[in-house]
Amino acid sequence: MSTNSASVIEHDMFDEVLSLRKQNTNNFVVASLNINSFRHKIHFIRELLLKNAVDLLFLLETKIDQSFPDAQFAIDNYHFWRSDRTASGGGVAVYLRSQIAGERE
């Protein structure tokens, strides 16, 4: 699959999430994505979150480790937490809208 095709698929998925938000403006919206290498897709996630499409986002298979600083993944108006495994596999990350109380335990 070409990079351009991947972009089209990513945007189609985001259109569904944005539509869900429009239909549920007063509800808490949660999404979970198997991101399969976060470092290569942060721009898609930033775009999704800056459109206020979800309140809580779980990312699976982030494939990042401590060599990637949190600042690289910071998005305005969202808390960010992560639990790494290795850059080869595994790992999770969570974004929570900053207006919502929450903390990592």
N, C-alpha and C. Protein backbone atom coordinates (compact mmCIF):
# COMPACT_ATOMS: atom_id res chain seq x y z
N MET A 1 0.85 -1.18 0.00
CA MET A 1 0.00 0.00 0.00
C MET A 1 0.89 1.23 0.00
N SER A 2 0.58 2.16 -0.82
CA SER A 2 1.38 3.39 -0.89
C SER A 2 1.06 4.30 0.28
N THR A 3 1.95 5.23 0.54
CA THR A 3 1.73 6.20 1.61
C THR A 3 0.45 6.99 1.37
N ASN A 4 0.21 7.36 0.11
CA ASN A 4 -1.00 8.11 -0.22
C ASN A 4 -2.25 7.30 0.10
N SER A 5 -2.24 6.00 -0.23
CA SER A 5 -3.38 5.13 0.08
C SER A 5 -3.59 5.03 1.58
N ALA A 6 -2.49 4.92 2.33
CA ALA A 6 -2.60 4.85 3.79
C ALA A 6 -3.23 6.12 4.33
N SER A 7 -2.89 7.28 3.78
CA SER A 7 -3.47 8.55 4.21
C SER A 7 -4.97 8.59 3.97
N VAL A 8 -5.40 8.08 2.84
CA VAL A 8 -6.83 8.05 2.52
C VAL A 8 -7.57 7.17 3.51
N ILE A 9 -7.02 6.00 3.83
CA ILE A 9 -7.65 5.10 4.79
C ILE A 9 -7.72 5.75 6.16
N GLU A 10 -6.63 6.37 6.61
CA GLU A 10 -6.61 7.04 7.91
C GLU A 10 -7.68 8.13 7.96
N HIS A 11 -7.80 8.94 6.91
CA HIS A 11 -8.78 10.01 6.91
C HIS A 11 -10.20 9.48 6.85
N ASP A 12 -10.44 8.38 6.14
CA ASP A 12 -11.77 7.77 6.13
C ASP A 12 -12.17 7.35 7.54
N MET A 13 -11.24 6.74 8.28
CA MET A 13 -11.51 6.32 9.64
C MET A 13 -11.81 7.53 10.51
N PHE A 14 -11.05 8.60 10.36
CA PHE A 14 -11.27 9.80 11.15
C PHE A 14 -12.62 10.42 10.82
N ASP A 15 -13.05 10.34 9.58
CA ASP A 15 -14.37 10.85 9.22
C ASP A 15 -15.46 10.14 10.01
N GLU A 16 -15.30 8.83 10.21
CA GLU A 16 -16.28 8.08 11.00
C GLU A 16 -16.27 8.53 12.45
N VAL A 17 -15.09 8.76 13.00
CA VAL A 17 -14.98 9.21 14.39
C VAL A 17 -15.58 10.61 14.53
N LEU A 18 -15.28 11.50 13.60
CA LEU A 18 -15.84 12.86 13.64
C LEU A 18 -17.36 12.83 13.52
N SER A 19 -17.88 11.95 12.69
CA SER A 19 -19.33 11.81 12.55
C SER A 19 -19.94 11.32 13.87
N LEU A 20 -19.27 10.38 14.52
CA LEU A 20 -19.73 9.88 15.81
C LEU A 20 -19.80 11.02 16.82
N ARG A 21 -18.79 11.87 16.84
CA ARG A 21 -18.76 13.01 17.76
C ARG A 21 -19.94 13.96 17.48
N LYS A 22 -20.20 14.25 16.21
CA LYS A 22 -21.29 15.15 15.85
C LYS A 22 -22.63 14.60 16.28
N GLN A 23 -22.78 13.28 16.26
CA GLN A 23 -24.04 12.65 16.66
C GLN A 23 -24.17 12.55 18.17
N ASN A 24 -23.06 12.68 18.89
CA ASN A 24 -23.05 12.49 20.34
C ASN A 24 -22.32 13.63 21.04
N THR A 25 -22.76 14.84 20.79
CA THR A 25 -22.05 16.01 21.30
C THR A 25 -22.01 16.08 22.83
N ASN A 26 -22.99 15.50 23.51
CA ASN A 26 -23.03 15.56 24.97
C ASN A 26 -22.51 14.30 25.63
N ASN A 27 -22.03 13.35 24.86
CA ASN A 27 -21.53 12.09 25.41
C ASN A 27 -20.01 12.08 25.46
N PHE A 28 -19.49 11.27 26.35
CA PHE A 28 -18.06 11.05 26.48
C PHE A 28 -17.65 10.06 25.40
N VAL A 29 -16.75 10.46 24.50
CA VAL A 29 -16.37 9.62 23.37
C VAL A 29 -14.98 9.04 23.61
N VAL A 30 -14.91 7.69 23.53
CA VAL A 30 -13.67 6.95 23.74
C VAL A 30 -13.35 6.20 22.45
N ALA A 31 -12.07 6.19 22.09
CA ALA A 31 -11.64 5.43 20.91
C ALA A 31 -10.38 4.65 21.26
N SER A 32 -10.20 3.55 20.57
CA SER A 32 -9.02 2.72 20.73
C SER A 32 -8.51 2.36 19.34
N LEU A 33 -7.22 2.58 19.12
CA LEU A 33 -6.63 2.30 17.81
C LEU A 33 -5.37 1.46 17.97
N ASN A 34 -5.23 0.44 17.13
CA ASN A 34 -3.96 -0.27 17.02
C ASN A 34 -3.14 0.55 16.03
N ILE A 35 -2.22 1.33 16.55
CA ILE A 35 -1.52 2.33 15.76
C ILE A 35 -0.35 1.74 14.96
N ASN A 36 0.21 0.61 15.43
CA ASN A 36 1.31 -0.08 14.74
C ASN A 36 2.44 0.88 14.36
N SER A 37 3.07 1.44 15.36
CA SER A 37 4.22 2.35 15.24
C SER A 37 3.78 3.81 15.27
N PHE A 38 3.66 4.30 16.46
CA PHE A 38 3.18 5.65 16.73
C PHE A 38 4.06 6.73 16.13
N ARG A 39 5.36 6.53 16.19
CA ARG A 39 6.29 7.59 15.74
C ARG A 39 6.06 7.99 14.30
N HIS A 40 5.51 7.07 13.49
CA HIS A 40 5.27 7.37 12.09
C HIS A 40 3.87 7.92 11.83
N LYS A 41 3.03 7.99 12.87
CA LYS A 41 1.64 8.39 12.67
C LYS A 41 1.17 9.50 13.60
N ILE A 42 2.09 10.13 14.30
CA ILE A 42 1.71 11.18 15.24
C ILE A 42 0.93 12.30 14.56
N HIS A 43 1.26 12.63 13.34
CA HIS A 43 0.55 13.72 12.65
C HIS A 43 -0.93 13.40 12.45
N PHE A 44 -1.27 12.12 12.20
CA PHE A 44 -2.67 11.72 12.05
C PHE A 44 -3.40 11.84 13.40
N ILE A 45 -2.73 11.41 14.47
CA ILE A 45 -3.34 11.47 15.80
C ILE A 45 -3.52 12.93 16.23
N ARG A 46 -2.53 13.75 15.97
CA ARG A 46 -2.63 15.18 16.31
C ARG A 46 -3.83 15.80 15.59
N GLU A 47 -3.97 15.49 14.32
CA GLU A 47 -5.09 16.02 13.54
C GLU A 47 -6.43 15.59 14.14
N LEU A 48 -6.55 14.33 14.50
CA LEU A 48 -7.78 13.81 15.09
C LEU A 48 -8.11 14.51 16.40
N LEU A 49 -7.12 14.63 17.28
CA LEU A 49 -7.37 15.22 18.59
C LEU A 49 -7.62 16.72 18.52
N LEU A 50 -6.94 17.42 17.64
CA LEU A 50 -7.16 18.85 17.53
C LEU A 50 -8.54 19.20 16.95
N LYS A 51 -9.19 18.22 16.35
CA LYS A 51 -10.57 18.40 15.88
C LYS A 51 -11.57 18.06 16.99
N ASN A 52 -11.06 17.77 18.19
CA ASN A 52 -11.90 17.43 19.35
C ASN A 52 -12.84 16.26 19.07
N ALA A 53 -12.35 15.28 18.34
CA ALA A 53 -13.18 14.14 17.97
C ALA A 53 -13.42 13.17 19.12
N VAL A 54 -12.46 13.06 20.04
CA VAL A 54 -12.60 12.11 21.15
C VAL A 54 -12.17 12.78 22.45
N ASP A 55 -12.69 12.23 23.55
CA ASP A 55 -12.31 12.71 24.87
C ASP A 55 -11.17 11.87 25.45
N LEU A 56 -11.17 10.60 25.12
CA LEU A 56 -10.18 9.65 25.62
C LEU A 56 -9.76 8.75 24.47
N LEU A 57 -8.46 8.67 24.22
CA LEU A 57 -7.95 7.87 23.11
C LEU A 57 -6.89 6.91 23.61
N PHE A 58 -7.08 5.62 23.35
CA PHE A 58 -6.10 4.59 23.66
C PHE A 58 -5.39 4.20 22.37
N LEU A 59 -4.06 4.15 22.42
CA LEU A 59 -3.27 3.71 21.27
C LEU A 59 -2.52 2.44 21.67
N LEU A 60 -2.65 1.41 20.86
CA LEU A 60 -2.00 0.13 21.12
C LEU A 60 -0.90 -0.11 20.10
N GLU A 61 0.09 -0.92 20.48
CA GLU A 61 1.23 -1.22 19.61
C GLU A 61 1.95 0.06 19.19
N THR A 62 2.28 0.89 20.18
CA THR A 62 2.94 2.16 19.88
C THR A 62 4.36 1.97 19.35
N LYS A 63 5.02 0.92 19.78
CA LYS A 63 6.38 0.60 19.33
C LYS A 63 7.34 1.77 19.52
N ILE A 64 7.28 2.37 20.71
CA ILE A 64 8.25 3.40 21.07
C ILE A 64 8.92 2.98 22.38
N ASP A 65 10.07 3.56 22.64
CA ASP A 65 10.79 3.30 23.89
C ASP A 65 11.27 4.62 24.47
N GLN A 66 12.08 4.54 25.53
CA GLN A 66 12.52 5.75 26.23
C GLN A 66 13.36 6.69 25.37
N SER A 67 13.81 6.24 24.22
CA SER A 67 14.59 7.13 23.35
C SER A 67 13.70 8.17 22.65
N PHE A 68 12.39 8.03 22.75
CA PHE A 68 11.43 8.98 22.19
C PHE A 68 10.85 9.80 23.34
N PRO A 69 11.18 11.10 23.42
CA PRO A 69 10.71 11.92 24.55
C PRO A 69 9.19 12.18 24.47
N ASP A 70 8.59 12.34 25.64
CA ASP A 70 7.15 12.65 25.70
C ASP A 70 6.82 13.89 24.89
N ALA A 71 7.70 14.87 24.90
CA ALA A 71 7.44 16.13 24.18
C ALA A 71 7.17 15.90 22.69
N GLN A 72 7.74 14.84 22.14
CA GLN A 72 7.53 14.53 20.73
C GLN A 72 6.07 14.19 20.45
N PHE A 73 5.35 13.74 21.47
CA PHE A 73 3.97 13.29 21.30
C PHE A 73 2.96 14.18 21.99
N ALA A 74 3.41 15.30 22.56
CA ALA A 74 2.51 16.22 23.25
C ALA A 74 1.54 16.87 22.27
N ILE A 75 0.28 16.97 22.70
CA ILE A 75 -0.76 17.61 21.89
C ILE A 75 -1.51 18.57 22.80
N ASP A 76 -1.65 19.81 22.35
CA ASP A 76 -2.32 20.83 23.15
C ASP A 76 -3.69 20.35 23.62
N ASN A 77 -3.99 20.67 24.87
CA ASN A 77 -5.28 20.39 25.51
C ASN A 77 -5.53 18.91 25.79
N TYR A 78 -4.47 18.11 25.79
CA TYR A 78 -4.59 16.69 26.12
C TYR A 78 -3.48 16.28 27.08
N HIS A 79 -3.85 15.47 28.09
CA HIS A 79 -2.86 14.80 28.92
C HIS A 79 -2.35 13.62 28.10
N PHE A 80 -1.09 13.24 28.33
CA PHE A 80 -0.50 12.11 27.61
C PHE A 80 0.22 11.20 28.59
N TRP A 81 -0.11 9.92 28.54
CA TRP A 81 0.57 8.91 29.33
C TRP A 81 0.95 7.76 28.42
N ARG A 82 2.03 7.09 28.76
CA ARG A 82 2.46 5.97 27.94
C ARG A 82 3.11 4.91 28.80
N SER A 83 3.07 3.70 28.28
CA SER A 83 3.76 2.56 28.88
C SER A 83 4.44 1.84 27.73
N ASP A 84 5.76 2.00 27.67
CA ASP A 84 6.53 1.45 26.54
C ASP A 84 6.92 0.00 26.78
N ARG A 85 7.18 -0.68 25.69
CA ARG A 85 7.88 -1.97 25.73
C ARG A 85 9.19 -1.77 25.01
N THR A 86 9.17 -1.91 23.70
CA THR A 86 10.38 -1.65 22.92
C THR A 86 9.99 -0.97 21.62
N ALA A 87 10.98 -0.49 20.90
CA ALA A 87 10.72 0.11 19.59
C ALA A 87 10.37 -0.95 18.57
N SER A 88 10.47 -2.23 18.95
CA SER A 88 10.15 -3.33 18.03
C SER A 88 8.72 -3.83 18.17
N GLY A 89 8.10 -3.57 19.32
CA GLY A 89 6.74 -4.06 19.48
C GLY A 89 6.15 -3.71 20.83
N GLY A 90 4.83 -3.78 20.89
CA GLY A 90 4.10 -3.53 22.13
C GLY A 90 3.99 -2.05 22.46
N GLY A 91 3.54 -1.80 23.66
CA GLY A 91 3.40 -0.44 24.17
C GLY A 91 2.01 0.12 23.98
N VAL A 92 1.62 0.96 24.94
CA VAL A 92 0.33 1.64 24.88
C VAL A 92 0.53 3.12 25.21
N ALA A 93 -0.37 3.95 24.72
CA ALA A 93 -0.38 5.37 25.05
C ALA A 93 -1.83 5.79 25.22
N VAL A 94 -2.02 6.83 26.02
CA VAL A 94 -3.37 7.32 26.30
C VAL A 94 -3.36 8.84 26.21
N TYR A 95 -4.37 9.38 25.57
CA TYR A 95 -4.62 10.82 25.56
C TYR A 95 -5.97 11.05 26.23
N LEU A 96 -6.01 12.01 27.15
CA LEU A 96 -7.24 12.39 27.83
C LEU A 96 -7.37 13.90 27.73
N ARG A 97 -8.53 14.36 27.29
CA ARG A 97 -8.78 15.80 27.16
C ARG A 97 -8.44 16.46 28.50
N SER A 98 -7.68 17.54 28.48
CA SER A 98 -7.17 18.15 29.71
C SER A 98 -8.27 18.76 30.59
N GLN A 99 -9.45 19.04 30.05
CA GLN A 99 -10.55 19.57 30.85
C GLN A 99 -11.20 18.49 31.71
N ILE A 100 -10.81 17.23 31.49
CA ILE A 100 -11.37 16.10 32.24
C ILE A 100 -10.35 15.65 33.29
N ALA A 101 -10.80 15.51 34.52
CA ALA A 101 -9.90 15.09 35.58
C ALA A 101 -9.45 13.65 35.35
N GLY A 102 -8.18 13.41 35.51
CA GLY A 102 -7.64 12.07 35.36
C GLY A 102 -6.17 12.05 35.70
N GLU A 103 -5.69 10.90 36.12
CA GLU A 103 -4.28 10.75 36.41
C GLU A 103 -3.86 9.31 36.17
N ARG A 104 -2.59 9.13 35.94
CA ARG A 104 -2.04 7.79 35.75
C ARG A 104 -1.67 7.23 37.11
N GLU A 105 -2.04 5.99 37.35
CA GLU A 105 -1.67 5.35 38.63
C GLU A 105 -0.66 4.29 38.39
